[in-house]
Amino acid sequence: VTASNGTPPNATRSFTSVISNIAPIITSSNPPNGNRNVAYSYSFTASGTTPITYSVTSGSLPPGLTMNSAGVISGTPTTDGGYNATVTASNGGTPNATRSFTIVITSTPPSITSSNPVNGSRGVAYSHTFTANGTPTITFSRTSGTLPPGLTLSSAGVLSGTPTTNGTYTATVTASNGSSPSATQTFTIVISN
């Protein structure tokens, strides 16, 4: 740089300026645990010169989850278990910031919450819906016994149709979601005129 005012000599000064990034520091806490088949979202944050990009540099996220370069983990986990990973935040400064963490994915076994089906009449349309608590997706099936002829049970738990034959019918329905134990409910339906 030269300073001048018309009177010689001018004044000069040589200098060097070094511009550098402030290295990133991850400021967010560890990601929380999640539930299988339930939507999940978590965002890493970091201080330092922007832009900061994030990547998983070791281990793996739970199946069904991904992380974008902005540090957002999102998706729907599909498999129970504990998953260890390391995220790295970088912005060109040194050193990069890293954070190792564990996400545990769990599921809640089903519990049937609906009452027993009521009795029905031959030749009259019939419908009963089984319901259950627990981690979705819960599917229903008849696992023993016999349904009244003309009635069927869908995987969504809807027992429906038109009974065709009088009688007493006992069956067991099972609600399952991949967790143990499954839930069962044994019931009796009487079909009469």
N, C-alpha and C. Protein backbone atom coordinates (compact mmCIF):
# COMPACT_ATOMS: atom_id res chain seq x y z
N VAL A 1 0.86 -1.18 0.00
CA VAL A 1 0.00 0.00 0.00
C VAL A 1 0.89 1.23 0.00
N THR A 2 0.48 2.26 -0.72
CA THR A 2 1.28 3.49 -0.82
C THR A 2 0.44 4.66 -0.32
N ALA A 3 1.05 5.48 0.54
CA ALA A 3 0.40 6.71 1.02
C ALA A 3 1.13 7.89 0.40
N SER A 4 0.37 8.79 -0.21
CA SER A 4 1.02 9.93 -0.85
C SER A 4 0.22 11.20 -0.58
N ASN A 5 0.97 12.37 -0.54
CA ASN A 5 0.31 13.67 -0.34
C ASN A 5 0.92 14.75 -1.23
N GLY A 6 1.64 14.32 -2.28
CA GLY A 6 2.27 15.26 -3.20
C GLY A 6 3.67 15.64 -2.80
N THR A 7 4.10 15.29 -1.64
CA THR A 7 5.46 15.57 -1.18
C THR A 7 6.25 14.29 -1.21
N PRO A 8 7.35 14.27 -1.96
CA PRO A 8 8.12 13.03 -2.00
C PRO A 8 8.93 12.87 -0.71
N PRO A 9 9.32 11.65 -0.34
CA PRO A 9 8.92 10.41 -1.03
C PRO A 9 7.57 9.92 -0.51
N ASN A 10 6.92 9.09 -1.34
CA ASN A 10 5.71 8.42 -0.86
C ASN A 10 6.07 7.39 0.20
N ALA A 11 5.08 7.03 1.02
CA ALA A 11 5.30 5.99 2.03
C ALA A 11 4.69 4.69 1.53
N THR A 12 5.43 3.60 1.68
CA THR A 12 4.92 2.30 1.23
C THR A 12 5.01 1.28 2.35
N ARG A 13 4.14 0.33 2.30
CA ARG A 13 4.16 -0.79 3.26
C ARG A 13 3.67 -2.04 2.53
N SER A 14 4.46 -3.07 2.55
CA SER A 14 4.06 -4.38 2.00
C SER A 14 3.54 -5.24 3.13
N PHE A 15 2.49 -6.02 2.82
CA PHE A 15 1.93 -6.89 3.87
C PHE A 15 1.26 -8.09 3.22
N THR A 16 1.00 -9.06 4.03
CA THR A 16 0.30 -10.28 3.59
C THR A 16 -0.91 -10.50 4.48
N SER A 17 -2.08 -10.73 3.86
CA SER A 17 -3.29 -11.07 4.62
C SER A 17 -3.65 -12.52 4.33
N VAL A 18 -3.85 -13.28 5.36
CA VAL A 18 -4.24 -14.69 5.20
C VAL A 18 -5.71 -14.82 5.60
N ILE A 19 -6.52 -15.27 4.66
CA ILE A 19 -7.94 -15.48 4.91
C ILE A 19 -8.18 -16.98 5.07
N SER A 20 -8.77 -17.40 6.15
CA SER A 20 -9.01 -18.83 6.36
C SER A 20 -10.40 -19.04 6.95
N ASN A 21 -10.89 -20.26 6.80
CA ASN A 21 -12.18 -20.63 7.38
C ASN A 21 -12.02 -20.91 8.86
N ILE A 22 -13.07 -20.59 9.61
CA ILE A 22 -13.13 -21.03 11.00
C ILE A 22 -13.62 -22.48 10.97
N ALA A 23 -12.80 -23.38 11.48
CA ALA A 23 -13.14 -24.81 11.42
C ALA A 23 -14.49 -25.07 12.08
N PRO A 24 -15.24 -26.03 11.55
CA PRO A 24 -16.56 -26.32 12.12
C PRO A 24 -16.48 -27.02 13.47
N ILE A 25 -17.48 -26.77 14.29
CA ILE A 25 -17.66 -27.48 15.56
C ILE A 25 -19.12 -27.90 15.62
N ILE A 26 -19.37 -29.18 15.75
CA ILE A 26 -20.76 -29.67 15.82
C ILE A 26 -21.35 -29.26 17.15
N THR A 27 -22.47 -28.55 17.09
CA THR A 27 -23.09 -28.01 18.30
C THR A 27 -24.36 -28.75 18.72
N SER A 28 -24.89 -29.58 17.85
CA SER A 28 -26.13 -30.31 18.18
C SER A 28 -25.81 -31.53 19.03
N SER A 29 -26.84 -32.01 19.71
CA SER A 29 -26.68 -33.21 20.53
C SER A 29 -26.75 -34.45 19.63
N ASN A 30 -26.60 -35.62 20.21
CA ASN A 30 -26.71 -36.85 19.44
C ASN A 30 -28.14 -37.06 18.97
N PRO A 31 -28.34 -37.71 17.83
CA PRO A 31 -29.70 -37.98 17.36
C PRO A 31 -30.45 -38.87 18.34
N PRO A 32 -31.77 -38.69 18.44
CA PRO A 32 -32.57 -39.53 19.35
C PRO A 32 -32.82 -40.90 18.74
N ASN A 33 -33.31 -41.81 19.56
CA ASN A 33 -33.72 -43.12 19.06
C ASN A 33 -35.03 -42.99 18.30
N GLY A 34 -35.41 -44.05 17.59
CA GLY A 34 -36.62 -43.99 16.79
C GLY A 34 -37.42 -45.27 16.87
N ASN A 35 -38.56 -45.27 16.20
CA ASN A 35 -39.45 -46.42 16.16
C ASN A 35 -39.57 -46.93 14.73
N ARG A 36 -39.57 -48.24 14.59
CA ARG A 36 -39.72 -48.85 13.27
C ARG A 36 -41.05 -48.43 12.65
N ASN A 37 -41.00 -48.12 11.36
CA ASN A 37 -42.18 -47.75 10.56
C ASN A 37 -42.81 -46.42 10.98
N VAL A 38 -42.08 -45.63 11.76
CA VAL A 38 -42.56 -44.30 12.15
C VAL A 38 -41.59 -43.26 11.59
N ALA A 39 -42.12 -42.24 10.90
CA ALA A 39 -41.28 -41.23 10.25
C ALA A 39 -40.31 -40.60 11.25
N TYR A 40 -39.08 -40.36 10.79
CA TYR A 40 -38.00 -39.88 11.65
C TYR A 40 -37.33 -38.68 10.99
N SER A 41 -36.96 -37.68 11.79
CA SER A 41 -36.22 -36.53 11.26
C SER A 41 -35.36 -35.93 12.36
N TYR A 42 -34.11 -35.61 12.02
CA TYR A 42 -33.20 -34.97 12.96
C TYR A 42 -32.19 -34.15 12.17
N SER A 43 -31.83 -32.96 12.67
CA SER A 43 -30.90 -32.08 11.97
C SER A 43 -29.66 -31.81 12.81
N PHE A 44 -28.48 -32.10 12.24
CA PHE A 44 -27.23 -31.70 12.87
C PHE A 44 -27.01 -30.20 12.64
N THR A 45 -26.37 -29.55 13.60
CA THR A 45 -25.96 -28.15 13.45
C THR A 45 -24.51 -28.01 13.85
N ALA A 46 -23.87 -26.98 13.30
CA ALA A 46 -22.46 -26.74 13.63
C ALA A 46 -22.16 -25.26 13.51
N SER A 47 -21.20 -24.81 14.31
CA SER A 47 -20.69 -23.44 14.18
C SER A 47 -19.48 -23.47 13.26
N GLY A 48 -19.08 -22.29 12.78
CA GLY A 48 -17.93 -22.20 11.88
C GLY A 48 -18.32 -21.48 10.61
N THR A 49 -17.33 -21.28 9.75
CA THR A 49 -17.57 -20.59 8.48
C THR A 49 -18.51 -21.41 7.61
N THR A 50 -19.52 -20.75 7.07
CA THR A 50 -20.46 -21.44 6.19
C THR A 50 -20.01 -21.29 4.73
N PRO A 51 -20.41 -22.19 3.84
CA PRO A 51 -21.33 -23.31 4.10
C PRO A 51 -20.60 -24.51 4.71
N ILE A 52 -21.35 -25.25 5.52
CA ILE A 52 -20.84 -26.46 6.14
C ILE A 52 -21.60 -27.64 5.54
N THR A 53 -20.88 -28.65 5.13
CA THR A 53 -21.52 -29.85 4.58
C THR A 53 -21.28 -31.04 5.51
N TYR A 54 -22.24 -31.94 5.50
CA TYR A 54 -22.23 -33.09 6.41
C TYR A 54 -22.23 -34.38 5.59
N SER A 55 -21.58 -35.39 6.14
CA SER A 55 -21.60 -36.71 5.52
C SER A 55 -21.38 -37.78 6.57
N VAL A 56 -21.90 -38.97 6.30
CA VAL A 56 -21.64 -40.12 7.16
C VAL A 56 -20.33 -40.74 6.69
N THR A 57 -19.31 -40.72 7.55
CA THR A 57 -17.98 -41.16 7.13
C THR A 57 -17.60 -42.53 7.67
N SER A 58 -18.39 -43.09 8.57
CA SER A 58 -18.16 -44.47 8.99
C SER A 58 -19.45 -45.00 9.61
N GLY A 59 -19.55 -46.32 9.67
CA GLY A 59 -20.76 -46.95 10.20
C GLY A 59 -21.91 -46.81 9.23
N SER A 60 -23.12 -46.94 9.74
CA SER A 60 -24.30 -46.85 8.87
C SER A 60 -25.50 -46.36 9.67
N LEU A 61 -26.39 -45.69 8.96
CA LEU A 61 -27.66 -45.27 9.54
C LEU A 61 -28.63 -46.45 9.51
N PRO A 62 -29.68 -46.41 10.33
CA PRO A 62 -30.68 -47.46 10.27
C PRO A 62 -31.27 -47.58 8.86
N PRO A 63 -31.55 -48.80 8.39
CA PRO A 63 -32.19 -48.96 7.09
C PRO A 63 -33.46 -48.11 7.01
N GLY A 64 -33.60 -47.40 5.89
CA GLY A 64 -34.74 -46.52 5.69
C GLY A 64 -34.43 -45.06 5.98
N LEU A 65 -33.28 -44.78 6.63
CA LEU A 65 -32.89 -43.40 6.92
C LEU A 65 -31.72 -43.00 6.04
N THR A 66 -31.71 -41.73 5.63
CA THR A 66 -30.60 -41.16 4.88
C THR A 66 -30.27 -39.79 5.48
N MET A 67 -29.05 -39.31 5.18
CA MET A 67 -28.67 -37.97 5.62
C MET A 67 -28.23 -37.17 4.40
N ASN A 68 -28.76 -35.94 4.26
CA ASN A 68 -28.35 -35.09 3.15
C ASN A 68 -27.17 -34.21 3.55
N SER A 69 -26.63 -33.46 2.58
CA SER A 69 -25.43 -32.67 2.84
C SER A 69 -25.67 -31.52 3.82
N ALA A 70 -26.95 -31.19 4.08
CA ALA A 70 -27.27 -30.16 5.07
C ALA A 70 -27.32 -30.71 6.49
N GLY A 71 -27.10 -32.03 6.64
CA GLY A 71 -27.06 -32.63 7.97
C GLY A 71 -28.40 -33.11 8.49
N VAL A 72 -29.38 -33.27 7.60
CA VAL A 72 -30.71 -33.71 8.01
C VAL A 72 -30.84 -35.22 7.80
N ILE A 73 -31.06 -35.95 8.90
CA ILE A 73 -31.36 -37.38 8.82
C ILE A 73 -32.87 -37.50 8.73
N SER A 74 -33.36 -38.23 7.74
CA SER A 74 -34.80 -38.36 7.59
C SER A 74 -35.15 -39.68 6.92
N GLY A 75 -36.42 -40.02 7.01
CA GLY A 75 -36.92 -41.25 6.41
C GLY A 75 -37.77 -42.01 7.40
N THR A 76 -38.03 -43.27 7.10
CA THR A 76 -38.80 -44.14 7.97
C THR A 76 -38.01 -45.40 8.22
N PRO A 77 -37.51 -45.61 9.45
CA PRO A 77 -36.70 -46.81 9.71
C PRO A 77 -37.52 -48.08 9.55
N THR A 78 -36.88 -49.09 8.98
CA THR A 78 -37.59 -50.32 8.65
C THR A 78 -37.17 -51.52 9.49
N THR A 79 -36.08 -51.40 10.25
CA THR A 79 -35.52 -52.58 10.92
C THR A 79 -35.10 -52.22 12.34
N ASP A 80 -35.54 -53.04 13.30
CA ASP A 80 -35.11 -52.84 14.69
C ASP A 80 -33.61 -53.06 14.82
N GLY A 81 -33.01 -52.43 15.84
CA GLY A 81 -31.60 -52.66 16.13
C GLY A 81 -30.89 -51.38 16.52
N GLY A 82 -29.63 -51.52 16.92
CA GLY A 82 -28.78 -50.38 17.24
C GLY A 82 -27.81 -50.14 16.10
N TYR A 83 -27.69 -48.89 15.65
CA TYR A 83 -26.87 -48.56 14.48
C TYR A 83 -25.88 -47.47 14.85
N ASN A 84 -24.59 -47.77 14.67
CA ASN A 84 -23.51 -46.84 15.00
C ASN A 84 -23.01 -46.16 13.74
N ALA A 85 -22.79 -44.86 13.82
CA ALA A 85 -22.29 -44.10 12.67
C ALA A 85 -21.49 -42.91 13.17
N THR A 86 -20.70 -42.34 12.26
CA THR A 86 -19.96 -41.12 12.53
C THR A 86 -20.30 -40.11 11.44
N VAL A 87 -20.67 -38.90 11.85
CA VAL A 87 -20.95 -37.82 10.91
C VAL A 87 -19.76 -36.86 10.93
N THR A 88 -19.41 -36.35 9.76
CA THR A 88 -18.33 -35.38 9.64
C THR A 88 -18.89 -34.09 9.06
N ALA A 89 -18.56 -32.96 9.72
CA ALA A 89 -18.93 -31.63 9.23
C ALA A 89 -17.67 -30.98 8.68
N SER A 90 -17.75 -30.46 7.44
CA SER A 90 -16.56 -29.86 6.82
C SER A 90 -16.93 -28.57 6.10
N ASN A 91 -15.95 -27.64 6.07
CA ASN A 91 -16.16 -26.36 5.37
C ASN A 91 -14.87 -25.88 4.72
N GLY A 92 -13.89 -26.75 4.59
CA GLY A 92 -12.60 -26.35 4.04
C GLY A 92 -11.60 -25.93 5.08
N GLY A 93 -12.06 -25.63 6.30
CA GLY A 93 -11.15 -25.32 7.40
C GLY A 93 -10.66 -26.61 8.04
N THR A 94 -9.64 -26.51 8.84
CA THR A 94 -9.12 -27.69 9.53
C THR A 94 -9.08 -27.45 11.02
N PRO A 95 -9.39 -28.50 11.81
CA PRO A 95 -9.78 -29.84 11.34
C PRO A 95 -11.29 -29.91 11.09
N ASN A 96 -11.70 -30.98 10.38
CA ASN A 96 -13.13 -31.25 10.28
C ASN A 96 -13.67 -31.61 11.65
N ALA A 97 -14.98 -31.47 11.82
CA ALA A 97 -15.62 -31.87 13.08
C ALA A 97 -16.29 -33.23 12.88
N THR A 98 -16.15 -34.11 13.85
CA THR A 98 -16.78 -35.42 13.76
C THR A 98 -17.60 -35.69 15.02
N ARG A 99 -18.62 -36.51 14.86
CA ARG A 99 -19.45 -36.91 15.99
C ARG A 99 -19.88 -38.36 15.77
N SER A 100 -19.54 -39.23 16.70
CA SER A 100 -19.99 -40.63 16.65
C SER A 100 -21.25 -40.76 17.49
N PHE A 101 -22.19 -41.56 17.01
CA PHE A 101 -23.47 -41.68 17.70
C PHE A 101 -24.08 -43.05 17.42
N THR A 102 -25.09 -43.37 18.21
CA THR A 102 -25.85 -44.61 18.04
C THR A 102 -27.34 -44.26 18.00
N ILE A 103 -28.03 -44.81 17.01
CA ILE A 103 -29.49 -44.69 16.95
C ILE A 103 -30.07 -46.07 17.15
N VAL A 104 -30.94 -46.20 18.14
CA VAL A 104 -31.60 -47.49 18.41
C VAL A 104 -33.02 -47.42 17.87
N ILE A 105 -33.36 -48.37 17.02
CA ILE A 105 -34.70 -48.46 16.45
C ILE A 105 -35.42 -49.63 17.13
N THR A 106 -36.59 -49.33 17.68
CA THR A 106 -37.37 -50.36 18.37
C THR A 106 -38.80 -50.36 17.85
N SER A 107 -39.52 -51.38 18.22
CA SER A 107 -40.93 -51.44 17.86
C SER A 107 -41.71 -51.96 19.06
N THR A 108 -42.99 -51.60 19.10
CA THR A 108 -43.87 -52.02 20.18
C THR A 108 -44.74 -53.16 19.69
N PRO A 109 -44.73 -54.32 20.37
CA PRO A 109 -45.58 -55.42 19.94
C PRO A 109 -47.05 -55.00 19.95
N PRO A 110 -47.86 -55.62 19.09
CA PRO A 110 -49.27 -55.24 19.04
C PRO A 110 -50.05 -55.69 20.26
N SER A 111 -51.13 -54.96 20.53
CA SER A 111 -52.08 -55.31 21.60
C SER A 111 -53.47 -55.05 21.05
N ILE A 112 -54.28 -56.09 20.97
CA ILE A 112 -55.62 -55.94 20.41
C ILE A 112 -56.49 -55.15 21.37
N THR A 113 -57.14 -54.10 20.86
CA THR A 113 -57.92 -53.20 21.70
C THR A 113 -59.42 -53.30 21.46
N SER A 114 -59.81 -54.00 20.41
CA SER A 114 -61.24 -54.10 20.09
C SER A 114 -61.91 -55.19 20.92
N SER A 115 -63.22 -55.06 21.06
CA SER A 115 -64.00 -56.07 21.77
C SER A 115 -64.24 -57.28 20.87
N ASN A 116 -64.81 -58.33 21.44
CA ASN A 116 -65.13 -59.51 20.64
C ASN A 116 -66.23 -59.19 19.64
N PRO A 117 -66.22 -59.84 18.47
CA PRO A 117 -67.31 -59.63 17.51
C PRO A 117 -68.65 -60.05 18.11
N VAL A 118 -69.71 -59.39 17.67
CA VAL A 118 -71.06 -59.73 18.14
C VAL A 118 -71.61 -60.87 17.30
N ASN A 119 -72.72 -61.46 17.76
CA ASN A 119 -73.39 -62.51 17.00
C ASN A 119 -74.05 -61.92 15.76
N GLY A 120 -74.40 -62.80 14.82
CA GLY A 120 -74.99 -62.34 13.58
C GLY A 120 -76.19 -63.16 13.17
N SER A 121 -76.79 -62.76 12.06
CA SER A 121 -77.98 -63.44 11.54
C SER A 121 -77.69 -63.96 10.14
N ARG A 122 -78.18 -65.18 9.87
CA ARG A 122 -77.99 -65.76 8.54
C ARG A 122 -78.66 -64.89 7.50
N GLY A 123 -77.93 -64.62 6.41
CA GLY A 123 -78.47 -63.83 5.31
C GLY A 123 -78.45 -62.33 5.52
N VAL A 124 -77.88 -61.87 6.63
CA VAL A 124 -77.82 -60.43 6.93
C VAL A 124 -76.35 -60.00 6.92
N ALA A 125 -76.07 -58.92 6.17
CA ALA A 125 -74.68 -58.43 6.07
C ALA A 125 -74.08 -58.18 7.45
N TYR A 126 -72.82 -58.53 7.59
CA TYR A 126 -72.13 -58.48 8.89
C TYR A 126 -70.80 -57.76 8.70
N SER A 127 -70.41 -56.98 9.72
CA SER A 127 -69.10 -56.33 9.69
C SER A 127 -68.61 -56.06 11.11
N HIS A 128 -67.36 -56.36 11.34
CA HIS A 128 -66.70 -56.08 12.62
C HIS A 128 -65.24 -55.74 12.31
N THR A 129 -64.71 -54.70 12.94
CA THR A 129 -63.33 -54.30 12.70
C THR A 129 -62.50 -54.52 13.96
N PHE A 130 -61.46 -55.34 13.82
CA PHE A 130 -60.50 -55.51 14.90
C PHE A 130 -59.51 -54.34 14.87
N THR A 131 -59.13 -53.86 16.07
CA THR A 131 -58.14 -52.79 16.18
C THR A 131 -57.06 -53.20 17.16
N ALA A 132 -55.89 -52.60 17.02
CA ALA A 132 -54.77 -52.93 17.90
C ALA A 132 -53.83 -51.74 18.01
N ASN A 133 -53.20 -51.61 19.16
CA ASN A 133 -52.12 -50.65 19.37
C ASN A 133 -50.81 -51.33 19.04
N GLY A 134 -49.78 -50.52 18.80
CA GLY A 134 -48.45 -51.05 18.54
C GLY A 134 -47.84 -50.36 17.34
N THR A 135 -46.57 -50.69 17.08
CA THR A 135 -45.88 -50.09 15.95
C THR A 135 -46.53 -50.53 14.64
N PRO A 136 -46.86 -49.58 13.77
CA PRO A 136 -47.43 -49.96 12.49
C PRO A 136 -46.33 -50.63 11.62
N THR A 137 -46.65 -51.43 10.65
CA THR A 137 -48.00 -51.74 10.20
C THR A 137 -48.44 -53.05 10.87
N ILE A 138 -49.68 -53.06 11.39
CA ILE A 138 -50.21 -54.25 12.04
C ILE A 138 -51.12 -54.98 11.06
N THR A 139 -50.92 -56.27 10.92
CA THR A 139 -51.76 -57.08 10.05
C THR A 139 -52.49 -58.13 10.88
N PHE A 140 -53.69 -58.47 10.43
CA PHE A 140 -54.55 -59.43 11.14
C PHE A 140 -54.74 -60.68 10.29
N SER A 141 -54.83 -61.81 10.97
CA SER A 141 -55.10 -63.06 10.26
C SER A 141 -55.80 -64.03 11.22
N ARG A 142 -56.59 -64.94 10.63
CA ARG A 142 -57.20 -66.00 11.43
C ARG A 142 -56.17 -67.11 11.54
N THR A 143 -55.80 -67.46 12.76
CA THR A 143 -54.74 -68.44 12.95
C THR A 143 -55.23 -69.77 13.48
N SER A 144 -56.50 -69.85 13.89
CA SER A 144 -57.07 -71.14 14.27
C SER A 144 -58.59 -71.00 14.30
N GLY A 145 -59.26 -72.14 14.33
CA GLY A 145 -60.71 -72.13 14.40
C GLY A 145 -61.34 -71.88 13.04
N THR A 146 -62.64 -71.60 13.07
CA THR A 146 -63.42 -71.45 11.84
C THR A 146 -64.29 -70.22 11.92
N LEU A 147 -64.28 -69.43 10.85
CA LEU A 147 -65.19 -68.30 10.74
C LEU A 147 -66.53 -68.80 10.19
N PRO A 148 -67.62 -68.10 10.50
CA PRO A 148 -68.90 -68.49 9.91
C PRO A 148 -68.81 -68.47 8.39
N PRO A 149 -69.35 -69.49 7.71
CA PRO A 149 -69.35 -69.48 6.25
C PRO A 149 -69.97 -68.19 5.73
N GLY A 150 -69.28 -67.58 4.75
CA GLY A 150 -69.73 -66.32 4.19
C GLY A 150 -68.98 -65.12 4.73
N LEU A 151 -68.24 -65.31 5.82
CA LEU A 151 -67.46 -64.20 6.39
C LEU A 151 -65.98 -64.40 6.10
N THR A 152 -65.28 -63.29 5.85
CA THR A 152 -63.84 -63.32 5.65
C THR A 152 -63.18 -62.24 6.50
N LEU A 153 -61.91 -62.45 6.81
CA LEU A 153 -61.15 -61.49 7.59
C LEU A 153 -60.05 -60.91 6.71
N SER A 154 -60.03 -59.58 6.55
CA SER A 154 -58.99 -58.93 5.75
C SER A 154 -57.75 -58.70 6.61
N SER A 155 -56.61 -58.43 5.94
CA SER A 155 -55.38 -58.16 6.68
C SER A 155 -55.45 -56.88 7.49
N ALA A 156 -56.43 -56.01 7.16
CA ALA A 156 -56.64 -54.78 7.93
C ALA A 156 -57.49 -55.02 9.17
N GLY A 157 -57.97 -56.25 9.35
CA GLY A 157 -58.74 -56.59 10.55
C GLY A 157 -60.24 -56.45 10.39
N VAL A 158 -60.73 -56.38 9.15
CA VAL A 158 -62.17 -56.24 8.93
C VAL A 158 -62.77 -57.61 8.66
N LEU A 159 -63.66 -58.02 9.56
CA LEU A 159 -64.41 -59.27 9.41
C LEU A 159 -65.75 -58.90 8.79
N SER A 160 -65.99 -59.39 7.57
CA SER A 160 -67.20 -58.93 6.88
C SER A 160 -67.71 -60.00 5.92
N GLY A 161 -68.94 -59.76 5.48
CA GLY A 161 -69.60 -60.67 4.55
C GLY A 161 -71.04 -60.90 4.97
N THR A 162 -71.64 -61.94 4.42
CA THR A 162 -73.01 -62.30 4.78
C THR A 162 -73.03 -63.76 5.21
N PRO A 163 -73.28 -64.03 6.49
CA PRO A 163 -73.28 -65.42 6.97
C PRO A 163 -74.34 -66.24 6.23
N THR A 164 -73.95 -67.48 5.89
CA THR A 164 -74.86 -68.34 5.12
C THR A 164 -75.38 -69.53 5.90
N THR A 165 -74.78 -69.80 7.06
CA THR A 165 -75.12 -71.03 7.77
C THR A 165 -75.24 -70.77 9.27
N ASN A 166 -76.34 -71.25 9.84
CA ASN A 166 -76.50 -71.14 11.29
C ASN A 166 -75.45 -71.98 12.00
N GLY A 167 -75.12 -71.58 13.24
CA GLY A 167 -74.19 -72.37 14.03
C GLY A 167 -73.37 -71.50 14.95
N THR A 168 -72.54 -72.17 15.72
CA THR A 168 -71.63 -71.50 16.65
C THR A 168 -70.21 -71.70 16.14
N TYR A 169 -69.48 -70.62 15.97
CA TYR A 169 -68.16 -70.67 15.35
C TYR A 169 -67.14 -69.98 16.25
N THR A 170 -66.08 -70.69 16.55
CA THR A 170 -65.02 -70.16 17.40
C THR A 170 -63.74 -70.05 16.58
N ALA A 171 -63.07 -68.93 16.67
CA ALA A 171 -61.83 -68.71 15.91
C ALA A 171 -60.89 -67.83 16.72
N THR A 172 -59.65 -67.81 16.30
CA THR A 172 -58.63 -66.95 16.92
C THR A 172 -58.04 -66.05 15.85
N VAL A 173 -58.02 -64.75 16.13
CA VAL A 173 -57.39 -63.78 15.24
C VAL A 173 -56.07 -63.35 15.87
N THR A 174 -55.06 -63.19 15.01
CA THR A 174 -53.73 -62.78 15.47
C THR A 174 -53.36 -61.46 14.82
N ALA A 175 -52.89 -60.53 15.64
CA ALA A 175 -52.38 -59.25 15.15
C ALA A 175 -50.86 -59.29 15.24
N SER A 176 -50.18 -58.98 14.14
CA SER A 176 -48.72 -59.05 14.13
C SER A 176 -48.13 -57.85 13.41
N ASN A 177 -46.92 -57.48 13.83
CA ASN A 177 -46.21 -56.36 13.19
C ASN A 177 -44.71 -56.63 13.09
N GLY A 178 -44.32 -57.89 13.26
CA GLY A 178 -42.91 -58.24 13.20
C GLY A 178 -42.22 -58.22 14.54
N SER A 179 -42.89 -57.72 15.57
CA SER A 179 -42.35 -57.72 16.93
C SER A 179 -42.93 -58.90 17.71
N SER A 180 -42.23 -59.29 18.74
CA SER A 180 -42.70 -60.40 19.57
C SER A 180 -43.10 -59.89 20.94
N PRO A 181 -44.21 -60.43 21.48
CA PRO A 181 -45.06 -61.45 20.86
C PRO A 181 -46.18 -60.81 20.04
N SER A 182 -46.75 -61.61 19.13
CA SER A 182 -47.97 -61.18 18.45
C SER A 182 -49.12 -61.20 19.45
N ALA A 183 -50.22 -60.52 19.11
CA ALA A 183 -51.39 -60.49 19.99
C ALA A 183 -52.46 -61.40 19.40
N THR A 184 -53.15 -62.13 20.27
CA THR A 184 -54.22 -63.02 19.81
C THR A 184 -55.51 -62.74 20.56
N GLN A 185 -56.61 -63.01 19.90
CA GLN A 185 -57.93 -62.88 20.52
C GLN A 185 -58.80 -64.02 20.01
N THR A 186 -59.31 -64.82 20.94
CA THR A 186 -60.21 -65.92 20.60
C THR A 186 -61.65 -65.47 20.87
N PHE A 187 -62.53 -65.76 19.93
CA PHE A 187 -63.91 -65.28 20.04
C PHE A 187 -64.86 -66.34 19.48
N THR A 188 -66.11 -66.19 19.85
CA THR A 188 -67.17 -67.08 19.36
C THR A 188 -68.29 -66.23 18.77
N ILE A 189 -68.72 -66.59 17.58
CA ILE A 189 -69.84 -65.93 16.91
C ILE A 189 -70.95 -66.95 16.71
N VAL A 190 -72.12 -66.58 17.14
CA VAL A 190 -73.30 -67.45 16.92
C VAL A 190 -74.11 -66.84 15.78
N ILE A 191 -74.36 -67.65 14.75
CA ILE A 191 -75.18 -67.24 13.63
C ILE A 191 -76.52 -67.95 13.73
N SER A 192 -77.60 -67.18 13.70
CA SER A 192 -78.93 -67.75 13.83
C SER A 192 -79.89 -67.03 12.90
N ASN A 193 -81.11 -67.58 12.79
CA ASN A 193 -82.13 -66.93 11.96
C ASN A 193 -82.57 -65.63 12.58
